[in-house]
Amino acid sequence: MATSTPVRHAWRALIGLISITAVLFGINALGVYAFGKSSWLPELALDLQGGTQIILEAQGEAGAQPTPEQMEQAVSIIRQRVDASGIGETDITTQARNQIVVQLPGQADEETRDRIERSAQMQLRAVLFTGAPATSYVGEDGEETPYPTPDPTLNATPTPAPTGGSDLAWVTDALYAEFLSYDCSDDANQPADEPANQPLITCEADGSAKYILGPVELDGSAIDDATNGINSQNGQWAVNIVFDGDGADTFGEISQRLFNLSPPQNQFAFVLDGVVISAPSMNAVIVDGKPQITGNFDQESSKVLADQLKYGALPLSFEVQSSNSISATLGSQQLMIGLVAGLIGLALVAIYSLTVYRALGFVIIASLAVMGILTYITLCILAWRMGFRLSLAGVAGLIVTIGFTADSFIVYFERIRDELRDGKSITSAVEDGWARAKRTIYISKSINILAAVVLYILADATVKGFAFTLGLTTVIDILIFILFTHPVLQLLARTKFFGDGHPLSGLDPRALGAVYRGRAQFRAPVAATGKTAAERRTSRARGEAERRQTIAERKLAQQSADTRSAGEGND
């Protein structure tokens, strides 16, 4: 005989769930063994693991103290640089009016340190001259000779006066001599301290080239957004920039000027902390304020550049005062307490499920186990791809979700029992109960997800971990409900144990007060005054059914009884 449609759907759903699980484990295995950047354990946050502390001191102009508003803005931008999603549990605070304390979970890598320490204002300058970073030349005798220190008598005043940011009049004899002898590897050079209205000698971030740049024509505050993505024309990674209104107008004028110039004067440099992070050439006149930087990017390098451009507009310059390791604020003991609390919650849910729903409670336990597996592997992947770290607040979100998940099963199972009380077969009760229960469950889960999203957007960074895990596990809960719980019940309803309503199955129609006895068989009516065991069971079942009647059903039953009494009286 052909397999019924519900059974086919159930097996398809379970196969789909197995496929999703296999894909997730495969992705994480790829991160562990192929890229070496993932792990089979979720990453822990600062409060559970400890990490690195970096103290930055604000360098105000002319020794002026920074205002509280400037410090708050700087904290916000630094947080965006190192933890744009807010789920890496980075702790960033101010102290002593002019210091920012950055605490990162684990050991900070060089890329993260670079994002924090390179904290001066973003500057956009036109390229006047560029060359190799050499500080020596080969003379006529074939000997390599260092360029001499610039003669102080050389002309240092532009003649004639420059008329724009790309005017080569900025390159005086003294400036060119200084450029030739400029050593990119010399830590004594501090290009970030140079005035914004003067040309600048600086180097590429990797030391591969050095530049003479014109005065600052835009700063990072003019950049509204910067993202990385695939260029639709050549399929390569690129960085997309969006300027604000005034910035778009200014950049449009600059692009029109640079587009007509020859290399390297058609280049425009993005300077962070006095170092050139990118100097693309101007290949078109851009008047909409949305330029795109292309080059030899991969996904990671384009993301780094986009973050630097987007979060580079600090209102202050900072100097690193100290960098050291710190211990966990809560540590493994608190993590163990959180895990024990979660296990206690799971145990209570299991005991309640088995007590109330008997064998049906094992479906709840199995669903929670599958949900735990999917949540665990998802957290491992997110730690690799998004930098997610599990804090004690995140653990609390996971524990709270256990109760929310149990609610879904209770709503579904009670709906099935109501269908059985109406005299339906178990297979029909499972399908009809699903049709009616899923609407209620979807609405409640939507509210949970909405609450998590609002909390994630509005709450402090220390609470974002709770909101994130709450929203994540709610989504997984819906997935488990659709692809595991309902399909399993569809299959169990066709077994003899559950289909015949065994007393230990949790789906016994007689215990639920229904007239249904199993396999489309119904009891014959029995006199209400009997004293046999069968009659007593019938009386209890009828009483249970009456107790579960709605007010409307009771009124209707009373009206029917009154009508019968009136008819008997007339007789």
Protein backbone atom coordinates (compact mmCIF):
# COMPACT_ATOMS: atom_id res chain seq x y z
CA MET A 1 0.00 0.00 0.00
CA ALA A 2 1.28 3.47 -0.84
CA THR A 3 2.66 5.58 1.96
CA SER A 4 0.24 8.29 3.10
CA THR A 5 0.95 11.96 2.40
CA PRO A 6 1.52 12.97 6.08
CA VAL A 7 4.08 10.18 6.45
CA ARG A 8 5.92 11.28 3.30
CA HIS A 9 5.93 14.87 4.53
CA ALA A 10 7.21 13.75 7.92
CA TRP A 11 10.15 11.85 6.43
CA ARG A 12 10.99 14.73 4.11
CA ALA A 13 11.05 17.14 7.05
CA LEU A 14 13.30 14.87 9.10
CA ILE A 15 15.66 14.34 6.16
CA GLY A 16 15.76 18.11 5.68
CA LEU A 17 16.66 18.59 9.35
CA ILE A 18 19.41 15.99 9.11
CA SER A 19 20.74 17.74 5.99
CA ILE A 20 20.78 21.15 7.73
CA THR A 21 22.62 19.66 10.70
CA ALA A 22 25.17 17.98 8.43
CA VAL A 23 25.76 21.24 6.54
CA LEU A 24 26.32 23.16 9.78
CA PHE A 25 28.81 20.58 11.05
CA GLY A 26 30.50 20.60 7.63
CA ILE A 27 30.86 24.40 7.68
CA ASN A 28 32.42 24.33 11.12
CA ALA A 29 34.70 21.43 10.18
CA LEU A 30 35.86 23.49 7.20
CA GLY A 31 36.68 26.36 9.54
CA VAL A 32 38.54 24.07 11.93
CA TYR A 33 40.58 21.92 9.56
CA ALA A 34 40.83 23.95 6.33
CA PHE A 35 41.13 27.52 7.64
CA GLY A 36 42.23 26.89 11.21
CA LYS A 37 40.05 29.76 12.46
CA SER A 38 37.10 27.92 14.01
CA SER A 39 36.79 25.58 16.97
CA TRP A 40 34.52 22.84 18.27
CA LEU A 41 33.97 24.93 21.40
CA PRO A 42 32.09 28.27 21.52
CA GLU A 43 34.27 31.29 22.29
CA LEU A 44 33.84 32.80 25.76
CA ALA A 45 33.47 36.49 26.52
CA LEU A 46 35.52 38.72 28.80
CA ASP A 47 33.53 37.95 31.94
CA LEU A 48 34.15 34.22 31.57
CA GLN A 49 37.57 34.00 29.96
CA GLY A 50 39.61 37.15 30.61
CA GLY A 51 41.45 38.95 27.85
CA THR A 52 43.45 42.05 26.93
CA GLN A 53 43.23 45.58 28.31
CA ILE A 54 44.38 48.58 26.27
CA ILE A 55 44.32 52.10 27.75
CA LEU A 56 44.17 55.02 25.30
CA GLU A 57 44.84 58.62 26.33
CA ALA A 58 43.24 61.47 24.37
CA GLN A 59 45.60 63.96 22.75
CA GLY A 60 43.65 67.23 22.54
CA GLU A 61 44.76 70.20 20.48
CA ALA A 62 47.23 72.50 22.28
CA GLY A 63 46.90 70.44 25.46
CA ALA A 64 43.16 71.14 25.79
CA GLN A 65 41.07 68.65 27.77
CA PRO A 66 38.54 66.74 25.67
CA THR A 67 34.87 67.36 26.39
CA PRO A 68 32.63 64.57 27.72
CA GLU A 69 30.74 64.61 24.42
CA GLN A 70 33.97 64.04 22.47
CA MET A 71 34.92 61.14 24.76
CA GLU A 72 31.49 59.54 24.40
CA GLN A 73 31.67 59.83 20.63
CA ALA A 74 35.18 58.35 20.63
CA VAL A 75 34.00 55.43 22.79
CA SER A 76 31.11 54.79 20.40
CA ILE A 77 33.38 54.82 17.33
CA ILE A 78 36.06 52.60 18.90
CA ARG A 79 33.34 50.13 19.93
CA GLN A 80 32.13 50.06 16.34
CA ARG A 81 35.68 49.44 15.12
CA VAL A 82 36.44 46.48 17.30
CA ASP A 83 32.94 45.06 17.80
CA ALA A 84 30.53 46.50 15.24
CA SER A 85 27.91 43.81 15.94
CA GLY A 86 28.02 44.24 19.72
CA ILE A 87 28.08 40.47 20.30
CA GLY A 88 31.83 40.09 20.87
CA GLU A 89 31.29 41.36 24.44
CA THR A 90 34.06 43.99 24.24
CA ASP A 91 34.03 46.34 27.25
CA ILE A 92 34.90 49.99 26.43
CA THR A 93 34.69 52.68 29.13
CA THR A 94 36.19 56.07 30.01
CA GLN A 95 38.27 57.01 33.01
CA ALA A 96 40.15 60.07 34.31
CA ARG A 97 38.32 62.35 31.83
CA ASN A 98 40.81 61.78 29.00
CA GLN A 99 41.36 58.00 28.90
CA ILE A 100 39.49 55.15 27.23
CA VAL A 101 39.86 51.62 28.58
CA VAL A 102 39.32 48.88 26.00
CA GLN A 103 38.94 45.34 27.34
CA LEU A 104 38.79 42.57 24.74
CA PRO A 105 38.06 38.88 25.38
CA GLY A 106 40.97 36.53 24.67
CA GLN A 107 44.27 37.61 23.20
CA ALA A 108 43.84 40.53 20.80
CA ASP A 109 45.36 39.83 17.38
CA GLU A 110 47.45 42.37 15.50
CA GLU A 111 44.57 43.39 13.26
CA THR A 112 42.36 44.23 16.25
CA ARG A 113 45.15 46.09 18.01
CA ASP A 114 45.76 48.06 14.84
CA ARG A 115 42.10 49.07 14.65
CA ILE A 116 42.20 50.37 18.22
CA GLU A 117 45.59 52.03 18.25
CA ARG A 118 45.23 53.76 14.88
CA SER A 119 42.68 56.11 16.31
CA ALA A 120 43.37 59.55 14.81
CA GLN A 121 40.96 61.39 12.55
CA MET A 122 40.44 60.12 9.05
CA GLN A 123 41.79 62.54 6.43
CA LEU A 124 41.26 62.61 2.66
CA ARG A 125 44.11 64.26 0.71
CA ALA A 126 45.09 64.51 -2.96
CA VAL A 127 48.31 62.73 -4.02
CA LEU A 128 50.99 65.14 -5.33
CA PHE A 129 53.96 62.81 -5.65
CA THR A 130 54.75 59.19 -4.91
CA GLY A 131 57.76 56.92 -5.05
CA ALA A 132 59.50 53.90 -3.58
CA PRO A 133 60.25 54.03 0.15
CA ALA A 134 64.04 54.11 -0.51
CA THR A 135 66.13 56.62 1.43
CA SER A 136 69.23 56.18 -0.75
CA TYR A 137 70.25 56.31 -4.40
CA VAL A 138 72.92 54.76 -6.60
CA GLY A 139 75.54 57.32 -7.68
CA GLU A 140 77.57 57.50 -10.87
CA ASP A 141 80.25 55.33 -9.26
CA GLY A 142 77.71 52.57 -8.64
CA GLU A 143 77.79 53.10 -4.90
CA GLU A 144 74.59 53.38 -2.91
CA THR A 145 74.48 56.73 -1.15
CA PRO A 146 71.86 57.90 1.38
CA TYR A 147 69.95 61.03 0.54
CA PRO A 148 71.33 63.87 2.66
CA THR A 149 69.39 65.62 5.41
CA PRO A 150 67.51 68.53 3.80
CA ASP A 151 69.48 71.75 3.74
CA PRO A 152 67.68 74.29 5.95
CA THR A 153 68.46 77.00 3.37
CA LEU A 154 66.29 75.33 0.73
CA ASN A 155 63.11 77.15 -0.24
CA ALA A 156 60.19 76.03 1.96
CA THR A 157 57.59 78.57 0.80
CA PRO A 158 55.37 77.62 -2.15
CA THR A 159 55.91 79.90 -5.14
CA PRO A 160 53.52 80.84 -6.57
CA ALA A 161 50.78 80.36 -3.94
CA PRO A 162 48.93 77.08 -4.54
CA THR A 163 45.39 77.37 -5.88
CA GLY A 164 44.08 73.90 -4.98
CA GLY A 165 44.77 70.62 -3.28
CA SER A 166 46.45 69.16 -6.39
CA ASP A 167 48.65 72.17 -7.18
CA LEU A 168 52.29 71.02 -7.51
CA ALA A 169 53.36 74.41 -6.13
CA TRP A 170 52.97 72.74 -2.73
CA VAL A 171 56.08 70.66 -3.50
CA THR A 172 58.85 73.07 -2.57
CA ASP A 173 62.58 72.30 -2.76
CA ALA A 174 62.72 71.71 0.97
CA LEU A 175 59.67 69.43 0.91
CA TYR A 176 61.03 67.35 -1.97
CA ALA A 177 64.41 66.95 -0.24
CA GLU A 178 62.64 65.86 2.91
CA PHE A 179 60.59 63.37 0.89
CA LEU A 180 63.73 61.79 -0.60
CA SER A 181 65.28 61.23 2.82
CA TYR A 182 62.06 60.25 4.58
CA ASP A 183 62.37 56.81 6.20
CA CYS A 184 59.08 54.93 6.45
CA SER A 185 60.51 52.52 9.02
CA ASP A 186 61.64 55.28 11.40
CA ASP A 187 59.30 55.37 14.41
CA ALA A 188 60.39 58.92 15.15
CA ASN A 189 58.34 60.15 12.20
CA GLN A 190 54.94 61.37 13.37
CA PRO A 191 52.98 62.34 10.26
CA ALA A 192 49.72 62.42 12.23
CA ASP A 193 50.91 65.59 13.97
CA GLU A 194 51.25 67.59 10.73
CA PRO A 195 48.81 70.52 10.21
CA ALA A 196 45.72 69.79 8.12
CA ASN A 197 46.21 72.85 5.93
CA GLN A 198 49.73 71.87 4.87
CA PRO A 199 51.09 69.11 2.60
CA LEU A 200 52.04 65.82 4.21
CA ILE A 201 54.87 63.34 3.70
CA THR A 202 53.81 59.86 4.70
CA CYS A 203 53.89 56.20 3.69
CA GLU A 204 51.62 53.34 2.71
CA ALA A 205 50.44 51.33 5.69
CA ASP A 206 52.61 48.37 4.65
CA GLY A 207 55.61 50.59 3.87
CA SER A 208 55.52 49.77 0.16
CA ALA A 209 55.41 53.40 -1.01
CA LYS A 210 55.73 56.94 0.27
CA TYR A 211 53.80 60.01 -0.74
CA ILE A 212 53.63 63.76 -0.79
CA LEU A 213 50.00 64.63 -0.18
CA GLY A 214 48.15 67.89 -0.47
CA PRO A 215 46.22 69.57 2.38
CA VAL A 216 43.14 67.91 3.88
CA GLU A 217 40.10 68.40 1.66
CA LEU A 218 37.68 66.10 3.49
CA ASP A 219 37.75 64.30 6.83
CA GLY A 220 36.19 61.08 8.02
CA SER A 221 33.11 62.82 9.42
CA ALA A 222 31.92 63.29 5.80
CA ILE A 223 31.67 59.50 5.35
CA ASP A 224 28.18 58.25 6.18
CA ASP A 225 28.83 54.60 5.44
CA ALA A 226 31.39 52.21 3.97
CA THR A 227 30.78 48.56 3.09
CA ASN A 228 32.54 45.80 1.21
CA GLY A 229 30.96 43.76 -1.57
CA ILE A 230 31.44 42.11 -4.94
CA ASN A 231 31.89 44.38 -7.96
CA SER A 232 29.18 43.34 -10.42
CA GLN A 233 31.37 44.11 -13.45
CA ASN A 234 34.52 42.16 -12.67
CA GLY A 235 33.40 39.91 -9.80
CA GLN A 236 36.14 41.20 -7.50
CA TRP A 237 35.85 42.51 -3.96
CA ALA A 238 35.44 46.27 -3.64
CA VAL A 239 34.76 48.93 -0.99
CA ASN A 240 31.66 51.12 -1.41
CA ILE A 241 31.64 54.56 0.23
CA VAL A 242 28.70 56.86 0.88
CA PHE A 243 29.38 60.56 1.66
CA ASP A 244 26.93 62.86 3.42
CA GLY A 245 25.36 65.82 1.59
CA ASP A 246 28.21 68.33 1.92
CA GLY A 247 30.79 65.59 1.52
CA ALA A 248 29.17 64.40 -1.71
CA ASP A 249 29.30 67.92 -3.16
CA THR A 250 32.95 68.40 -2.17
CA PHE A 251 33.96 64.97 -3.42
CA GLY A 252 32.16 65.65 -6.72
CA GLU A 253 34.31 68.74 -7.26
CA ILE A 254 37.47 66.83 -6.28
CA SER A 255 36.66 63.93 -8.64
CA GLN A 256 36.09 66.33 -11.51
CA ARG A 257 39.49 67.88 -10.88
CA LEU A 258 41.42 64.63 -10.42
CA PHE A 259 39.81 62.83 -13.36
CA ASN A 260 41.55 65.19 -15.79
CA LEU A 261 45.02 64.78 -14.23
CA SER A 262 47.79 62.31 -14.98
CA PRO A 263 49.11 59.74 -12.49
CA PRO A 264 49.88 60.02 -9.65
CA GLN A 265 48.00 63.32 -9.37
CA ASN A 266 44.74 61.57 -10.24
CA GLN A 267 44.98 59.63 -6.96
CA PHE A 268 43.13 60.48 -3.75
CA ALA A 269 44.56 59.18 -0.47
CA PHE A 270 42.62 58.05 2.61
CA VAL A 271 44.87 58.76 5.59
CA LEU A 272 44.32 57.27 9.04
CA ASP A 273 46.66 58.18 11.90
CA GLY A 274 48.92 59.87 9.37
CA VAL A 275 49.35 56.68 7.31
CA VAL A 276 47.89 56.03 3.85
CA ILE A 277 45.49 53.09 4.06
CA SER A 278 44.39 53.44 0.42
CA ALA A 279 45.23 55.77 -2.50
CA PRO A 280 42.94 54.83 -5.41
CA SER A 281 42.99 56.65 -8.72
CA MET A 282 39.98 58.62 -9.90
CA ASN A 283 38.53 56.74 -12.88
CA ALA A 284 35.31 58.77 -13.27
CA VAL A 285 33.59 61.96 -12.21
CA ILE A 286 31.45 60.98 -9.20
CA VAL A 287 28.72 63.44 -8.35
CA ASP A 288 26.34 61.18 -6.38
CA GLY A 289 28.70 60.86 -3.40
CA LYS A 290 28.97 57.07 -3.77
CA PRO A 291 32.48 56.17 -4.99
CA GLN A 292 33.77 52.60 -5.14
CA ILE A 293 37.35 51.54 -4.41
CA THR A 294 38.57 48.53 -6.39
CA GLY A 295 41.92 46.79 -6.38
CA ASN A 296 43.60 43.60 -5.21
CA PHE A 297 41.11 42.98 -2.40
CA ASP A 298 39.89 39.77 -0.89
CA GLN A 299 36.90 39.57 1.42
CA GLU A 300 38.91 40.13 4.59
CA SER A 301 41.05 43.03 3.35
CA SER A 302 38.04 44.81 1.83
CA LYS A 303 36.17 44.42 5.14
CA VAL A 304 39.10 45.86 7.10
CA LEU A 305 39.34 48.88 4.78
CA ALA A 306 35.58 49.44 4.90
CA ASP A 307 35.66 49.41 8.72
CA GLN A 308 38.58 51.82 8.79
CA LEU A 309 36.77 54.23 6.50
CA LYS A 310 33.43 53.90 8.26
CA TYR A 311 34.71 54.16 11.81
CA GLY A 312 37.78 56.34 11.28
CA ALA A 313 36.22 59.70 12.09
CA LEU A 314 37.28 59.98 15.72
CA PRO A 315 36.96 63.49 17.16
CA LEU A 316 40.30 63.07 18.98
CA SER A 317 43.70 61.50 18.54
CA PHE A 318 44.77 58.89 21.08
CA GLU A 319 48.03 57.49 22.35
CA VAL A 320 48.35 53.97 23.77
CA GLN A 321 49.35 54.21 27.44
CA SER A 322 49.40 50.51 28.30
CA SER A 323 48.44 47.10 26.97
CA ASN A 324 48.30 44.01 29.20
CA SER A 325 46.40 40.84 29.96
CA ILE A 326 43.53 40.74 32.47
CA SER A 327 41.84 37.88 34.28
CA ALA A 328 38.21 36.86 33.93
CA THR A 329 35.80 38.97 35.96
CA LEU A 330 33.54 36.00 36.71
CA GLY A 331 35.48 33.03 35.47
CA SER A 332 34.83 29.35 35.17
CA GLN A 333 33.01 29.14 38.50
CA GLN A 334 30.23 31.44 37.33
CA LEU A 335 30.10 29.63 33.99
CA MET A 336 29.67 26.36 35.86
CA ILE A 337 26.88 27.89 37.95
CA GLY A 338 25.14 29.02 34.77
CA LEU A 339 25.46 25.58 33.19
CA VAL A 340 24.15 23.91 36.37
CA ALA A 341 21.18 26.28 36.34
CA GLY A 342 20.50 25.32 32.73
CA LEU A 343 20.70 21.60 33.54
CA ILE A 344 18.33 22.07 36.49
CA GLY A 345 15.89 23.83 34.18
CA LEU A 346 16.15 21.01 31.65
CA ALA A 347 15.64 18.40 34.37
CA LEU A 348 12.52 20.15 35.69
CA VAL A 349 11.09 20.41 32.17
CA ALA A 350 11.83 16.71 31.62
CA ILE A 351 10.19 15.68 34.91
CA TYR A 352 7.12 17.79 34.21
CA SER A 353 6.85 16.47 30.64
CA LEU A 354 7.07 12.83 31.67
CA THR A 355 4.63 13.33 34.56
CA VAL A 356 1.96 15.13 32.56
CA TYR A 357 2.45 13.67 29.08
CA ARG A 358 3.97 10.26 29.92
CA ALA A 359 5.69 8.74 26.86
CA LEU A 360 4.80 11.83 24.85
CA GLY A 361 7.21 13.70 27.12
CA PHE A 362 10.12 11.92 25.43
CA VAL A 363 9.25 13.86 22.27
CA ILE A 364 9.80 17.08 24.24
CA ILE A 365 13.11 15.80 25.61
CA ALA A 366 14.27 14.70 22.15
CA SER A 367 13.25 18.06 20.64
CA LEU A 368 15.23 19.94 23.30
CA ALA A 369 18.23 17.68 22.64
CA VAL A 370 18.12 18.37 18.88
CA MET A 371 17.70 22.08 19.57
CA GLY A 372 20.73 21.99 21.89
CA ILE A 373 22.87 20.37 19.18
CA LEU A 374 21.86 22.92 16.53
CA THR A 375 22.37 25.84 18.94
CA TYR A 376 25.80 24.58 19.96
CA ILE A 377 27.16 24.16 16.43
CA THR A 378 25.62 27.50 15.39
CA LEU A 379 27.43 29.27 18.24
CA CYS A 380 30.71 27.70 17.10
CA ILE A 381 30.17 28.94 13.53
CA LEU A 382 29.15 32.43 14.69
CA ALA A 383 32.29 32.67 16.81
CA TRP A 384 34.30 32.09 13.63
CA ARG A 385 32.29 34.19 11.18
CA MET A 386 30.97 37.02 13.39
CA GLY A 387 33.27 37.06 16.39
CA PHE A 388 30.41 36.05 18.71
CA ARG A 389 31.49 35.31 22.26
CA LEU A 390 29.28 33.71 24.89
CA SER A 391 28.94 35.80 28.04
CA LEU A 392 27.01 35.07 31.22
CA ALA A 393 24.20 37.23 29.79
CA GLY A 394 24.21 35.03 26.69
CA VAL A 395 24.02 31.91 28.86
CA ALA A 396 20.99 33.46 30.58
CA GLY A 397 19.37 33.91 27.17
CA LEU A 398 19.88 30.23 26.44
CA ILE A 399 18.36 29.18 29.77
CA VAL A 400 15.31 31.43 29.33
CA THR A 401 14.68 29.88 25.92
CA ILE A 402 14.20 26.45 27.50
CA GLY A 403 10.95 27.69 29.04
CA PHE A 404 9.82 29.33 25.81
CA THR A 405 10.50 26.13 23.90
CA ALA A 406 8.54 24.00 26.37
CA ASP A 407 5.58 26.37 25.89
CA SER A 408 5.43 25.48 22.19
CA PHE A 409 5.17 21.77 22.91
CA ILE A 410 2.52 22.26 25.60
CA VAL A 411 0.35 24.34 23.27
CA TYR A 412 0.65 21.70 20.54
CA PHE A 413 0.07 18.68 22.77
CA GLU A 414 -2.93 20.25 24.52
CA ARG A 415 -4.44 21.08 21.15
CA ILE A 416 -4.05 17.43 20.13
CA ARG A 417 -5.74 16.32 23.36
CA ASP A 418 -8.64 18.70 22.73
CA GLU A 419 -9.10 17.12 19.31
CA LEU A 420 -9.12 13.67 20.92
CA ARG A 421 -11.79 14.79 23.40
CA ASP A 422 -13.92 15.75 20.42
CA GLY A 423 -13.87 12.12 19.33
CA LYS A 424 -11.32 12.30 16.53
CA SER A 425 -8.80 9.57 15.77
CA ILE A 426 -5.23 10.12 16.91
CA THR A 427 -3.89 10.61 13.38
CA SER A 428 -6.59 13.20 12.66
CA ALA A 429 -6.00 14.86 16.04
CA VAL A 430 -2.29 15.25 15.27
CA GLU A 431 -2.99 16.94 11.92
CA ASP A 432 -5.85 19.14 13.13
CA GLY A 433 -4.02 20.00 16.32
CA TRP A 434 -1.02 21.08 14.26
CA ALA A 435 -3.16 23.25 11.99
CA ARG A 436 -4.64 25.08 14.96
CA ALA A 437 -1.66 25.19 17.32
CA LYS A 438 0.93 26.49 14.84
CA ARG A 439 -0.84 29.83 14.45
CA THR A 440 -0.67 30.44 18.19
CA ILE A 441 2.95 29.33 18.34
CA TYR A 442 4.01 31.48 15.38
CA ILE A 443 2.43 34.56 16.96
CA SER A 444 4.10 33.98 20.34
CA LYS A 445 7.48 33.31 18.73
CA SER A 446 7.16 36.42 16.58
CA ILE A 447 6.66 38.46 19.75
CA ASN A 448 9.75 36.85 21.30
CA ILE A 449 11.84 37.64 18.21
CA LEU A 450 10.53 41.22 18.11
CA ALA A 451 11.42 41.69 21.78
CA ALA A 452 14.92 40.30 21.15
CA VAL A 453 15.46 42.63 18.16
CA VAL A 454 14.29 45.72 20.09
CA LEU A 455 16.45 44.77 23.05
CA TYR A 456 19.45 44.18 20.79
CA ILE A 457 19.05 47.59 19.11
CA LEU A 458 18.33 49.68 22.21
CA ALA A 459 20.21 47.92 25.00
CA ASP A 460 23.76 48.45 26.17
CA ALA A 461 26.50 46.29 24.69
CA THR A 462 26.60 44.16 27.86
CA VAL A 463 22.98 43.07 27.24
CA LYS A 464 23.28 42.49 23.49
CA GLY A 465 24.57 38.96 24.12
CA PHE A 466 21.35 38.08 25.96
CA ALA A 467 19.18 39.53 23.19
CA PHE A 468 21.22 37.77 20.50
CA THR A 469 21.02 34.30 22.05
CA LEU A 470 17.33 34.79 22.84
CA GLY A 471 16.52 35.68 19.22
CA LEU A 472 18.79 32.97 17.80
CA THR A 473 17.37 30.16 19.91
CA THR A 474 13.79 31.31 19.23
CA VAL A 475 14.42 30.96 15.49
CA ILE A 476 15.95 27.51 16.04
CA ASP A 477 12.95 26.61 18.22
CA ILE A 478 10.58 27.32 15.32
CA LEU A 479 12.78 25.27 13.01
CA ILE A 480 12.74 22.29 15.41
CA PHE A 481 8.99 22.60 15.86
CA ILE A 482 8.41 22.38 12.10
CA LEU A 483 11.11 19.89 11.08
CA PHE A 484 11.22 17.58 14.11
CA THR A 485 8.42 17.73 16.68
CA HIS A 486 5.44 17.63 14.31
CA PRO A 487 6.96 15.07 11.89
CA VAL A 488 7.86 12.77 14.79
CA LEU A 489 4.30 12.92 16.09
CA GLN A 490 2.98 12.18 12.60
CA LEU A 491 5.03 8.98 12.59
CA LEU A 492 4.30 8.02 16.22
CA ALA A 493 0.54 8.42 15.67
CA ARG A 494 0.73 5.51 13.22
CA THR A 495 2.39 3.14 15.70
CA LYS A 496 0.33 0.71 17.74
CA PHE A 497 1.48 2.14 21.08
CA PHE A 498 0.38 5.71 20.35
CA GLY A 499 -2.25 5.01 17.67
CA ASP A 500 -4.27 2.70 19.96
CA GLY A 501 -4.07 5.24 22.79
CA HIS A 502 -2.03 3.20 25.28
CA PRO A 503 -2.52 4.54 28.84
CA LEU A 504 1.20 5.33 29.06
CA SER A 505 1.32 7.09 25.69
CA GLY A 506 -0.17 10.34 26.98
CA LEU A 507 -2.79 10.14 24.23
CA ASP A 508 -5.30 7.79 25.89
CA PRO A 509 -8.78 9.00 24.79
CA ARG A 510 -10.46 7.32 27.77
CA ALA A 511 -8.23 9.12 30.28
CA LEU A 512 -8.90 12.38 28.46
CA GLY A 513 -12.69 11.99 28.77
CA ALA A 514 -13.45 11.20 25.14
CA VAL A 515 -15.96 8.65 23.85
CA TYR A 516 -13.36 7.49 21.32
CA ARG A 517 -11.89 4.04 22.08
CA GLY A 518 -9.35 3.62 19.27
CA ARG A 519 -9.22 2.76 15.59
CA ALA A 520 -12.54 4.53 14.83
CA GLN A 521 -14.42 2.48 17.50
CA PHE A 522 -16.74 4.22 19.97
CA ARG A 523 -18.34 3.04 23.18
CA ALA A 524 -21.99 2.22 23.32
CA PRO A 525 -23.99 4.41 25.72
CA VAL A 526 -24.07 3.07 29.29
CA ALA A 527 -26.59 3.76 32.02
CA ALA A 528 -25.42 6.47 34.36
CA THR A 529 -26.46 4.67 37.57
CA GLY A 530 -24.39 1.51 37.20
CA LYS A 531 -21.90 0.45 39.84
CA THR A 532 -19.61 -1.75 37.76
CA ALA A 533 -15.99 -0.75 37.11
CA ALA A 534 -16.80 0.00 33.47
CA GLU A 535 -19.70 2.21 34.51
CA ARG A 536 -17.58 4.06 37.04
CA ARG A 537 -14.94 4.74 34.36
CA THR A 538 -17.68 5.96 32.02
CA SER A 539 -19.02 8.27 34.73
CA ARG A 540 -15.57 9.70 35.43
CA ALA A 541 -14.95 10.21 31.71
CA ARG A 542 -18.29 11.99 31.32
CA GLY A 543 -17.53 14.17 34.34
CA GLU A 544 -14.12 15.06 32.92
CA ALA A 545 -15.71 15.97 29.57
CA GLU A 546 -18.28 18.17 31.34
CA ARG A 547 -15.60 19.96 33.34
CA ARG A 548 -13.76 20.80 30.12
CA GLN A 549 -16.82 22.21 28.38
CA THR A 550 -16.82 25.88 27.48
CA ILE A 551 -19.51 28.23 28.87
CA ALA A 552 -21.34 28.20 25.51
CA GLU A 553 -21.31 24.39 25.44
CA ARG A 554 -22.69 24.22 28.97
CA LYS A 555 -25.51 26.64 28.13
CA LEU A 556 -26.35 24.63 25.03
CA ALA A 557 -26.38 21.38 27.06
CA GLN A 558 -28.60 22.97 29.70
CA GLN A 559 -31.04 24.21 27.05
CA SER A 560 -31.19 20.71 25.55
CA ALA A 561 -31.85 19.22 28.97
CA ASP A 562 -34.61 21.76 29.65
CA THR A 563 -36.21 20.99 26.30
CA ARG A 564 -36.17 17.26 27.02
CA SER A 565 -37.67 17.85 30.47
CA ALA A 566 -40.42 20.01 28.98
CA GLY A 567 -41.17 17.32 26.41
CA GLU A 568 -41.39 14.62 29.07
CA GLY A 569 -43.71 16.82 31.14
CA ASN A 570 -46.06 17.30 28.20
CA ASP A 571 -46.14 13.58 27.69
